[in-house]
Amino acid sequence: MPLTHKHLTLQALLIVSFFPYPLLADLLSQGQTAIAEERYETAYKLYSAAAKKGDAEAEYGMGVLYSEGWGVDKDAAIAFSWFQKAALQDYPPAQYSVGNAYFKGFGVEINIPKAEMWWDIAARNGYSQAQFNLGMLLFNSDGSDEAKEQGIAWTRAAAKQGVEWADKQLAAINEPINYTLIIFNQSREPARSEARITTLQANLYTIQLTSTILLNSAIEIIQHDGLEGRAMIYRSTQQEMEFGIIYGTYESIEDAKETIASMKPNLQKMEPSIQPIRTIQDKIEAWRIARLSNH
């Protein structure tokens, strides 16, 4: 089934709220209280003192104050510099905000590739609004079907975290939120699976069932054993390209071991192994780099 979407502008699809103010609860508690009570000059003093000590949440708070003009003169460039400082300390709300700034030209020149990069970083850190914006950017791009699959996967990740607009966008293209409800489509593999793997938390584990040099063989294994919705196919490269099959995600090695013990005998004969999700993600990235270098 071809990937289609309603012809809405990307600006209309992105989350309306430019900066994630509901996450002010993550900022320094006294500064949060001051903002809630509209004592913005007090909030500025609190955040400024903490930011000078390198506190990422306070740096982000300074960015919010300057972006809104709360207790200070509104200044997009200064706001961006504070967001960037916090983002470089791996603070997801700030990473998301830096992405927004590059997309909107807020305090910095518009740079869509950099917006995508920062949304991607925040999305991989589990930040739902970044997942949604990244999903919409990729899905509405003029890129390949792989990019659109990644867009769908990130939109699904955002929907699972309760982003209402993500749910609506998936419904508009007849994509369920739950992977177990997906109708297996050979023409969309392995790009669909790889996109899904990209969105998984890197600290989880999965079960590597087997690998094969033929995509059709991987698909036949999944269909024969009724693994649709749980099994994923990915490409990797050793001496030649292989299609790996992984099954499920698990928070611990023990959880994965229990699943292996309960598998059907024919699956156990494949000698499944437990792998970190990060390892699979790295293999996918290595394959993509190898493909690009050969073009």
Foldseek 3Di string as FASTA:
>chain_A
DDFDADPDDLVVLADPDLADVVCLVVADPVLSVCVVVLVQLVSLVVLVVVVVVVDLRSLQVVLVCLCVVRSHDNDQLSSLVSLVSSVVVVDLSSLQNNLSCLCVVRSHDNDNVSSLVSLLSSLLVVDLSSLQSNLSPQLPDPDDVLSNLLSLLSLLSSVVVPDVSSCVRCVRRVHDSQQVPDDDDLVCPQSNLLSNLSNDHQQKKWKWQAKAADSVVVVCVCVVQVQGSFKHWAWADDPHIMIIIIGHIGNDPVVNVVVLVPDDPVSVVSVIDMDGSNVVNVRRVNVVVVVVVVD
